[in-house]
């Protein structure tokens, strides 16, 4: 499997945010508070929310990393557009 360097900006941003959330979560679990909040329970809650929201946001969208996935995305767009055009013509 080849990783395509030509990923969209949105895919890269979602992936980087997910990695940051996971690192933050592991650091918090390990007792290293990344967020400057004194209360440990609040820190864990914020960290868990950050991880959860970022995970959902990162993988809700289709993240195409390979050339084959990008080609499939283009084919899917063409199919959707052709269906939309048929509906509009009727």
PDB file of N, CA and C in Angstrom:
ATOM      1  N   UNK A   1       0.844  -1.176   0.000  1.00  0.00           N
ATOM      2  CA  UNK A   1       0.000   0.000   0.000  1.00  0.00           C
ATOM      3  C   UNK A   1       0.888   1.237   0.000  1.00  0.00           C
ATOM      4  N   UNK A   2       0.692   2.067  -1.004  1.00  0.00           N
ATOM      5  CA  UNK A   2       1.432   3.319  -1.079  1.00  0.00           C
ATOM      6  C   UNK A   2       0.638   4.413  -0.383  1.00  0.00           C
ATOM      7  N   UNK A   3       1.341   5.269   0.345  1.00  0.00           N
ATOM      8  CA  UNK A   3       0.689   6.434   0.943  1.00  0.00           C
ATOM      9  C   UNK A   3       0.844   7.585  -0.032  1.00  0.00           C
ATOM     10  N   UNK A   4      -0.274   8.212  -0.356  1.00  0.00           N
ATOM     11  CA  UNK A   4      -0.274   9.307  -1.304  1.00  0.00           C
ATOM     12  C   UNK A   4       0.091  10.601  -0.586  1.00  0.00           C
ATOM     13  N   UNK A   5       1.135  11.256  -1.040  1.00  0.00           N
ATOM     14  CA  UNK A   5       1.576  12.513  -0.435  1.00  0.00           C
ATOM     15  C   UNK A   5       0.603  13.638  -0.790  1.00  0.00           C
ATOM     16  N   UNK A   6      -0.227  13.450  -1.815  1.00  0.00           N
ATOM     17  CA  UNK A   6      -1.129  14.494  -2.276  1.00  0.00           C
ATOM     18  C   UNK A   6      -2.486  14.416  -1.569  1.00  0.00           C
ATOM     19  N   UNK A   7      -2.497  14.207  -0.272  1.00  0.00           N
ATOM     20  CA  UNK A   7      -3.746  14.186   0.494  1.00  0.00           C
ATOM     21  C   UNK A   7      -4.316  15.597   0.547  1.00  0.00           C
ATOM     22  N   UNK A   8      -5.616  15.668   0.740  1.00  0.00           N
ATOM     23  CA  UNK A   8      -6.231  16.989   0.861  1.00  0.00           C
ATOM     24  C   UNK A   8      -5.820  17.626   2.194  1.00  0.00           C
ATOM     25  N   UNK A   9      -5.921  18.939   2.251  1.00  0.00           N
ATOM     26  CA  UNK A   9      -5.585  19.652   3.489  1.00  0.00           C
ATOM     27  C   UNK A   9      -6.460  19.165   4.634  1.00  0.00           C
ATOM     28  N   UNK A  10      -7.741  18.960   4.354  1.00  0.00           N
ATOM     29  CA  UNK A  10      -8.673  18.535   5.399  1.00  0.00           C
ATOM     30  C   UNK A  10      -8.282  17.180   5.972  1.00  0.00           C
ATOM     31  N   UNK A  11      -7.843  16.256   5.105  1.00  0.00           N
ATOM     32  CA  UNK A  11      -7.417  14.939   5.572  1.00  0.00           C
ATOM     33  C   UNK A  11      -6.196  15.057   6.471  1.00  0.00           C
ATOM     34  N   UNK A  12      -5.237  15.869   6.068  1.00  0.00           N
ATOM     35  CA  UNK A  12      -4.024  16.055   6.867  1.00  0.00           C
ATOM     36  C   UNK A  12      -4.357  16.702   8.206  1.00  0.00           C
ATOM     37  N   UNK A  13      -5.210  17.725   8.207  1.00  0.00           N
ATOM     38  CA  UNK A  13      -5.568  18.423   9.443  1.00  0.00           C
ATOM     39  C   UNK A  13      -6.280  17.479  10.403  1.00  0.00           C
ATOM     40  N   UNK A  14      -7.255  16.709   9.886  1.00  0.00           N
ATOM     41  CA  UNK A  14      -7.978  15.779  10.748  1.00  0.00           C
ATOM     42  C   UNK A  14      -7.039  14.727  11.335  1.00  0.00           C
ATOM     43  N   UNK A  15      -6.120  14.234  10.516  1.00  0.00           N
ATOM     44  CA  UNK A  15      -5.194  13.201  10.983  1.00  0.00           C
ATOM     45  C   UNK A  15      -4.234  13.758  12.032  1.00  0.00           C
ATOM     46  N   UNK A  16      -3.709  14.962  11.820  1.00  0.00           N
ATOM     47  CA  UNK A  16      -2.798  15.585  12.787  1.00  0.00           C
ATOM     48  C   UNK A  16      -3.526  15.868  14.102  1.00  0.00           C
ATOM     49  N   UNK A  17      -4.763  16.361  14.028  1.00  0.00           N
ATOM     50  CA  UNK A  17      -5.527  16.616  15.250  1.00  0.00           C
ATOM     51  C   UNK A  17      -5.806  15.325  16.014  1.00  0.00           C
ATOM     52  N   UNK A  18      -6.094  14.254  15.292  1.00  0.00           N
ATOM     53  CA  UNK A  18      -6.323  12.970  15.950  1.00  0.00           C
ATOM     54  C   UNK A  18      -5.065  12.496  16.659  1.00  0.00           C
ATOM     55  N   UNK A  19      -3.927  12.609  16.010  1.00  0.00           N
ATOM     56  CA  UNK A  19      -2.656  12.194  16.625  1.00  0.00           C
ATOM     57  C   UNK A  19      -2.376  13.052  17.862  1.00  0.00           C
ATOM     58  N   UNK A  20      -2.610  14.366  17.771  1.00  0.00           N
ATOM     59  CA  UNK A  20      -2.399  15.254  18.919  1.00  0.00           C
ATOM     60  C   UNK A  20      -3.323  14.882  20.072  1.00  0.00           C
ATOM     61  N   UNK A  21      -4.575  14.559  19.753  1.00  0.00           N
ATOM     62  CA  UNK A  21      -5.526  14.177  20.802  1.00  0.00           C
ATOM     63  C   UNK A  21      -5.103  12.882  21.478  1.00  0.00           C
ATOM     64  N   UNK A  22      -4.652  11.919  20.689  1.00  0.00           N
ATOM     65  CA  UNK A  22      -4.214  10.650  21.268  1.00  0.00           C
ATOM     66  C   UNK A  22      -2.976  10.834  22.146  1.00  0.00           C
ATOM     67  N   UNK A  23      -2.008  11.630  21.686  1.00  0.00           N
ATOM     68  CA  UNK A  23      -0.814  11.903  22.492  1.00  0.00           C
ATOM     69  C   UNK A  23      -1.210  12.590  23.791  1.00  0.00           C
ATOM     70  N   UNK A  24      -2.097  13.594  23.688  1.00  0.00           N
ATOM     71  CA  UNK A  24      -2.568  14.305  24.877  1.00  0.00           C
ATOM     72  C   UNK A  24      -3.238  13.341  25.850  1.00  0.00           C
ATOM     73  N   UNK A  25      -4.046  12.446  25.324  1.00  0.00           N
ATOM     74  CA  UNK A  25      -4.749  11.499  26.175  1.00  0.00           C
ATOM     75  C   UNK A  25      -3.774  10.561  26.887  1.00  0.00           C
ATOM     76  N   UNK A  26      -2.803  10.034  26.161  1.00  0.00           N
ATOM     77  CA  UNK A  26      -1.827   9.141  26.777  1.00  0.00           C
ATOM     78  C   UNK A  26      -0.976   9.873  27.824  1.00  0.00           C
ATOM     79  N   UNK A  27      -0.610  11.116  27.554  1.00  0.00           N
ATOM     80  CA  UNK A  27       0.155  11.892  28.531  1.00  0.00           C
ATOM     81  C   UNK A  27      -0.674  12.137  29.794  1.00  0.00           C
ATOM     82  N   UNK A  28      -1.950  12.439  29.631  1.00  0.00           N
ATOM     83  CA  UNK A  28      -2.832  12.671  30.775  1.00  0.00           C
ATOM     84  C   UNK A  28      -2.986  11.398  31.594  1.00  0.00           C
ATOM     85  N   UNK A  29      -3.182  10.288  30.909  1.00  0.00           N
ATOM     86  CA  UNK A  29      -3.297   9.006  31.614  1.00  0.00           C
ATOM     87  C   UNK A  29      -2.016   8.706  32.382  1.00  0.00           C
ATOM     88  N   UNK A  30      -0.874   9.075  31.808  1.00  0.00           N
ATOM     89  CA  UNK A  30       0.413   8.840  32.449  1.00  0.00           C
ATOM     90  C   UNK A  30       0.736   9.828  33.556  1.00  0.00           C
ATOM     91  N   UNK A  31      -0.156  10.775  33.829  1.00  0.00           N
ATOM     92  CA  UNK A  31       0.057  11.721  34.923  1.00  0.00           C
ATOM     93  C   UNK A  31       0.759  12.996  34.522  1.00  0.00           C
ATOM     94  N   UNK A  32       0.922  13.231  33.239  1.00  0.00           N
ATOM     95  CA  UNK A  32       1.569  14.456  32.754  1.00  0.00           C
ATOM     96  C   UNK A  32       0.496  15.368  32.176  1.00  0.00           C
ATOM     97  N   UNK A  33       0.027  16.310  32.972  1.00  0.00           N
ATOM     98  CA  UNK A  33      -1.044  17.203  32.547  1.00  0.00           C
ATOM     99  C   UNK A  33      -0.527  18.185  31.510  1.00  0.00           C
ATOM    100  N   UNK A  34      -1.052  18.078  30.307  1.00  0.00           N
ATOM    101  CA  UNK A  34      -0.641  18.964  29.221  1.00  0.00           C
ATOM    102  C   UNK A  34      -1.383  20.289  29.308  1.00  0.00           C
ATOM    103  N   UNK A  35      -2.645  20.210  29.691  1.00  0.00           N
ATOM    104  CA  UNK A  35      -3.451  21.417  29.829  1.00  0.00           C
ATOM    105  C   UNK A  35      -3.192  22.052  31.197  1.00  0.00           C
ATOM    106  N   UNK A  36      -3.039  23.377  31.248  1.00  0.00           N
ATOM    107  CA  UNK A  36      -2.696  24.038  32.511  1.00  0.00           C
ATOM    108  C   UNK A  36      -3.895  24.199  33.451  1.00  0.00           C
ATOM    109  N   UNK A  37      -4.506  23.082  33.837  1.00  0.00           N
ATOM    110  CA  UNK A  37      -5.637  23.097  34.768  1.00  0.00           C
ATOM    111  C   UNK A  37      -5.221  22.300  35.995  1.00  0.00           C
ATOM    112  N   UNK A  38      -5.425  22.858  37.172  1.00  0.00           N
ATOM    113  CA  UNK A  38      -4.979  22.205  38.397  1.00  0.00           C
ATOM    114  C   UNK A  38      -5.807  20.977  38.757  1.00  0.00           C
ATOM    115  N   UNK A  39      -7.096  21.035  38.584  1.00  0.00           N
ATOM    116  CA  UNK A  39      -7.950  19.941  38.989  1.00  0.00           C
ATOM    117  C   UNK A  39      -7.809  18.773  38.010  1.00  0.00           C
ATOM    118  N   UNK A  40      -7.339  17.650  38.524  1.00  0.00           N
ATOM    119  CA  UNK A  40      -7.039  16.496  37.675  1.00  0.00           C
ATOM    120  C   UNK A  40      -8.290  15.952  36.981  1.00  0.00           C
ATOM    121  N   UNK A  41      -9.414  15.962  37.651  1.00  0.00           N
ATOM    122  CA  UNK A  41     -10.651  15.461  37.043  1.00  0.00           C
ATOM    123  C   UNK A  41     -11.069  16.304  35.844  1.00  0.00           C
ATOM    124  N   UNK A  42     -10.918  17.614  35.954  1.00  0.00           N
ATOM    125  CA  UNK A  42     -11.257  18.490  34.830  1.00  0.00           C
ATOM    126  C   UNK A  42     -10.300  18.242  33.674  1.00  0.00           C
ATOM    127  N   UNK A  43      -9.033  18.057  33.991  1.00  0.00           N
ATOM    128  CA  UNK A  43      -8.045  17.780  32.952  1.00  0.00           C
ATOM    129  C   UNK A  43      -8.381  16.496  32.215  1.00  0.00           C
ATOM    130  N   UNK A  44      -8.742  15.459  32.946  1.00  0.00           N
ATOM    131  CA  UNK A  44      -9.084  14.193  32.313  1.00  0.00           C
ATOM    132  C   UNK A  44     -10.350  14.312  31.485  1.00  0.00           C
ATOM    133  N   UNK A  45     -11.326  15.059  31.969  1.00  0.00           N
ATOM    134  CA  UNK A  45     -12.565  15.255  31.229  1.00  0.00           C
ATOM    135  C   UNK A  45     -12.300  16.009  29.928  1.00  0.00           C
ATOM    136  N   UNK A  46     -11.555  17.094  30.019  1.00  0.00           N
ATOM    137  CA  UNK A  46     -11.247  17.882  28.824  1.00  0.00           C
ATOM    138  C   UNK A  46     -10.440  17.034  27.838  1.00  0.00           C
ATOM    139  N   UNK A  47      -9.493  16.273  28.347  1.00  0.00           N
ATOM    140  CA  UNK A  47      -8.684  15.418  27.484  1.00  0.00           C
ATOM    141  C   UNK A  47      -9.536  14.359  26.795  1.00  0.00           C
ATOM    142  N   UNK A  48     -10.434  13.743  27.541  1.00  0.00           N
ATOM    143  CA  UNK A  48     -11.307  12.719  26.959  1.00  0.00           C
ATOM    144  C   UNK A  48     -12.247  13.337  25.921  1.00  0.00           C
ATOM    145  N   UNK A  49     -12.792  14.508  26.212  1.00  0.00           N
ATOM    146  CA  UNK A  49     -13.658  15.187  25.246  1.00  0.00           C
ATOM    147  C   UNK A  49     -12.891  15.567  23.985  1.00  0.00           C
ATOM    148  N   UNK A  50     -11.685  16.090  24.164  1.00  0.00           N
ATOM    149  CA  UNK A  50     -10.837  16.459  23.029  1.00  0.00           C
ATOM    150  C   UNK A  50     -10.562  15.242  22.158  1.00  0.00           C
ATOM    151  N   UNK A  51     -10.220  14.122  22.786  1.00  0.00           N
ATOM    152  CA  UNK A  51      -9.943  12.901  22.040  1.00  0.00           C
ATOM    153  C   UNK A  51     -11.190  12.393  21.326  1.00  0.00           C
ATOM    154  N   UNK A  52     -12.300  12.372  22.029  1.00  0.00           N
ATOM    155  CA  UNK A  52     -13.530  11.877  21.433  1.00  0.00           C
ATOM    156  C   UNK A  52     -13.998  12.717  20.258  1.00  0.00           C
ATOM    157  N   UNK A  53     -14.044  14.020  20.447  1.00  0.00           N
ATOM    158  CA  UNK A  53     -14.494  14.921  19.384  1.00  0.00           C
ATOM    159  C   UNK A  53     -13.551  14.870  18.189  1.00  0.00           C
ATOM    160  N   UNK A  54     -12.253  14.889  18.456  1.00  0.00           N
ATOM    161  CA  UNK A  54     -11.275  14.843  17.381  1.00  0.00           C
ATOM    162  C   UNK A  54     -11.335  13.522  16.626  1.00  0.00           C
ATOM    163  N   UNK A  55     -11.528  12.427  17.347  1.00  0.00           N
ATOM    164  CA  UNK A  55     -11.629  11.117  16.696  1.00  0.00           C
ATOM    165  C   UNK A  55     -12.826  11.061  15.762  1.00  0.00           C
ATOM    166  N   UNK A  56     -13.955  11.538  16.243  1.00  0.00           N
ATOM    167  CA  UNK A  56     -15.160  11.542  15.404  1.00  0.00           C
ATOM    168  C   UNK A  56     -14.963  12.454  14.199  1.00  0.00           C
ATOM    169  N   UNK A  57     -14.420  13.629  14.433  1.00  0.00           N
ATOM    170  CA  UNK A  57     -14.204  14.590  13.358  1.00  0.00           C
ATOM    171  C   UNK A  57     -13.204  14.054  12.331  1.00  0.00           C
ATOM    172  N   UNK A  58     -12.146  13.405  12.810  1.00  0.00           N
ATOM    173  CA  UNK A  58     -11.088  12.935  11.919  1.00  0.00           C
ATOM    174  C   UNK A  58     -11.544  11.795  11.017  1.00  0.00           C
ATOM    175  N   UNK A  59     -12.360  10.918  11.519  1.00  0.00           N
ATOM    176  CA  UNK A  59     -12.701   9.733  10.740  1.00  0.00           C
ATOM    177  C   UNK A  59     -14.126   9.712  10.242  1.00  0.00           C
ATOM    178  N   UNK A  60     -14.914  10.755  10.501  1.00  0.00           N
ATOM    179  CA  UNK A  60     -16.250  10.843   9.942  1.00  0.00           C
ATOM    180  C   UNK A  60     -16.144  11.013   8.437  1.00  0.00           C
ATOM    181  N   UNK A  61     -15.219  11.833   8.019  1.00  0.00           N
ATOM    182  CA  UNK A  61     -14.995  12.074   6.604  1.00  0.00           C
ATOM    183  C   UNK A  61     -14.133  10.954   6.031  1.00  0.00           C
ATOM    184  N   UNK A  62     -14.224  10.797   4.734  1.00  0.00           N
ATOM    185  CA  UNK A  62     -13.417   9.808   4.043  1.00  0.00           C
ATOM    186  C   UNK A  62     -11.992  10.342   3.929  1.00  0.00           C
ATOM    187  N   UNK A  63     -11.046   9.664   4.535  1.00  0.00           N
ATOM    188  CA  UNK A  63      -9.647  10.071   4.476  1.00  0.00           C
ATOM    189  C   UNK A  63      -8.909   9.163   3.502  1.00  0.00           C
ATOM    190  N   UNK A  64      -8.690   9.658   2.318  1.00  0.00           N
ATOM    191  CA  UNK A  64      -8.054   8.863   1.278  1.00  0.00           C
ATOM    192  C   UNK A  64      -6.550   9.125   1.275  1.00  0.00           C
ATOM    193  N   UNK A  65      -5.780   8.075   1.596  1.00  0.00           N
ATOM    194  CA  UNK A  65      -4.336   8.210   1.652  1.00  0.00           C
ATOM    195  C   UNK A  65      -3.649   7.590   0.443  1.00  0.00           C
ATOM    196  N   UNK A  66      -4.285   6.642  -0.217  1.00  0.00           N
ATOM    197  CA  UNK A  66      -3.640   5.957  -1.342  1.00  0.00           C
ATOM    198  C   UNK A  66      -4.145   6.511  -2.663  1.00  0.00           C
ATOM    199  N   UNK A  67      -3.371   6.279  -3.707  1.00  0.00           N
ATOM    200  CA  UNK A  67      -3.752   6.717  -5.048  1.00  0.00           C
ATOM    201  C   UNK A  67      -5.046   6.027  -5.483  1.00  0.00           C
ATOM    202  N   UNK A  68      -5.179   4.745  -5.134  1.00  0.00           N
ATOM    203  CA  UNK A  68      -6.385   3.994  -5.488  1.00  0.00           C
ATOM    204  C   UNK A  68      -7.620   4.603  -4.819  1.00  0.00           C
ATOM    205  N   UNK A  69      -7.466   5.024  -3.573  1.00  0.00           N
ATOM    206  CA  UNK A  69      -8.580   5.637  -2.851  1.00  0.00           C
ATOM    207  C   UNK A  69      -8.985   6.967  -3.488  1.00  0.00           C
ATOM    208  N   UNK A  70      -7.995   7.746  -3.941  1.00  0.00           N
ATOM    209  CA  UNK A  70      -8.301   9.010  -4.611  1.00  0.00           C
ATOM    210  C   UNK A  70      -9.050   8.760  -5.915  1.00  0.00           C
ATOM    211  N   UNK A  71      -8.644   7.724  -6.658  1.00  0.00           N
ATOM    212  CA  UNK A  71      -9.345   7.393  -7.899  1.00  0.00           C
ATOM    213  C   UNK A  71     -10.780   6.975  -7.599  1.00  0.00           C
ATOM    214  N   UNK A  72     -10.965   6.186  -6.545  1.00  0.00           N
ATOM    215  CA  UNK A  72     -12.314   5.763  -6.159  1.00  0.00           C
ATOM    216  C   UNK A  72     -13.162   6.967  -5.749  1.00  0.00           C
ATOM    217  N   UNK A  73     -12.565   7.932  -5.053  1.00  0.00           N
ATOM    218  CA  UNK A  73     -13.286   9.151  -4.677  1.00  0.00           C
ATOM    219  C   UNK A  73     -13.759   9.908  -5.918  1.00  0.00           C
ATOM    220  N   UNK A  74     -12.900  10.000  -6.931  1.00  0.00           N
ATOM    221  CA  UNK A  74     -13.264  10.691  -8.175  1.00  0.00           C
ATOM    222  C   UNK A  74     -14.405   9.964  -8.879  1.00  0.00           C
ATOM    223  N   UNK A  75     -14.340   8.641  -8.915  1.00  0.00           N
ATOM    224  CA  UNK A  75     -15.414   7.868  -9.538  1.00  0.00           C
ATOM    225  C   UNK A  75     -16.727   8.054  -8.786  1.00  0.00           C
ATOM    226  N   UNK A  76     -16.668   8.065  -7.477  1.00  0.00           N
ATOM    227  CA  UNK A  76     -17.867   8.265  -6.668  1.00  0.00           C
ATOM    228  C   UNK A  76     -18.471   9.637  -6.932  1.00  0.00           C
ATOM    229  N   UNK A  77     -17.627  10.673  -7.025  1.00  0.00           N
ATOM    230  CA  UNK A  77     -18.118  12.021  -7.326  1.00  0.00           C
ATOM    231  C   UNK A  77     -18.811  12.056  -8.679  1.00  0.00           C
ATOM    232  N   UNK A  78     -18.204  11.390  -9.668  1.00  0.00           N
ATOM    233  CA  UNK A  78     -18.797  11.361 -11.008  1.00  0.00           C
ATOM    234  C   UNK A  78     -20.159  10.679 -10.984  1.00  0.00           C
ATOM    235  N   UNK A  79     -20.272   9.580 -10.269  1.00  0.00           N
ATOM    236  CA  UNK A  79     -21.544   8.863 -10.170  1.00  0.00           C
ATOM    237  C   UNK A  79     -22.597   9.737  -9.496  1.00  0.00           C
ATOM    238  N   UNK A  80     -22.223  10.379  -8.388  1.00  0.00           N
ATOM    239  CA  UNK A  80     -23.171  11.244  -7.683  1.00  0.00           C
ATOM    240  C   UNK A  80     -23.600  12.421  -8.551  1.00  0.00           C
ATOM    241  N   UNK A  81     -22.632  13.019  -9.269  1.00  0.00           N
ATOM    242  CA  UNK A  81     -22.962  14.154 -10.130  1.00  0.00           C
ATOM    243  C   UNK A  81     -23.877  13.736 -11.273  1.00  0.00           C
ATOM    244  N   UNK A  82     -23.647  12.568 -11.855  1.00  0.00           N
ATOM    245  CA  UNK A  82     -24.493  12.119 -12.960  1.00  0.00           C
ATOM    246  C   UNK A  82     -25.917  11.846 -12.464  1.00  0.00           C
ATOM    247  N   UNK A  83     -26.048  11.282 -11.271  1.00  0.00           N
ATOM    248  CA  UNK A  83     -27.377  11.055 -10.703  1.00  0.00           C
ATOM    249  C   UNK A  83     -28.069  12.383 -10.424  1.00  0.00           C
ATOM    250  N   UNK A  84     -27.306  13.346  -9.892  1.00  0.00           N
ATOM    251  CA  UNK A  84     -27.871  14.665  -9.584  1.00  0.00           C
ATOM    252  C   UNK A  84     -28.329  15.352 -10.860  1.00  0.00           C
ATOM    253  N   UNK A  85     -27.527  15.245 -11.926  1.00  0.00           N
ATOM    254  CA  UNK A  85     -27.883  15.876 -13.198  1.00  0.00           C
ATOM    255  C   UNK A  85     -29.134  15.248 -13.806  1.00  0.00           C
ATOM    256  N   UNK A  86     -29.293  13.932 -13.665  1.00  0.00           N
ATOM    257  CA  UNK A  86     -30.480  13.253 -14.169  1.00  0.00           C
ATOM    258  C   UNK A  86     -31.724  13.731 -13.435  1.00  0.00           C
ATOM    259  N   UNK A  87     -31.609  13.893 -12.130  1.00  0.00           N
ATOM    260  CA  UNK A  87     -32.736  14.360 -11.310  1.00  0.00           C
ATOM    261  C   UNK A  87     -33.108  15.789 -11.696  1.00  0.00           C
ATOM    262  N   UNK A  88     -32.105  16.648 -11.908  1.00  0.00           N
ATOM    263  CA  UNK A  88     -32.359  18.048 -12.250  1.00  0.00           C
ATOM    264  C   UNK A  88     -33.002  18.183 -13.620  1.00  0.00           C
ATOM    265  N   UNK A  89     -32.654  17.302 -14.558  1.00  0.00           N
ATOM    266  CA  UNK A  89     -33.225  17.360 -15.893  1.00  0.00           C
ATOM    267  C   UNK A  89     -34.681  16.940 -15.898  1.00  0.00           C
ATOM    268  N   UNK A  90     -35.072  16.106 -14.963  1.00  0.00           N
ATOM    269  CA  UNK A  90     -36.467  15.644 -14.899  1.00  0.00           C
ATOM    270  C   UNK A  90     -37.255  16.679 -14.224  1.00  0.00           C
TER     271      UNK A  90
END
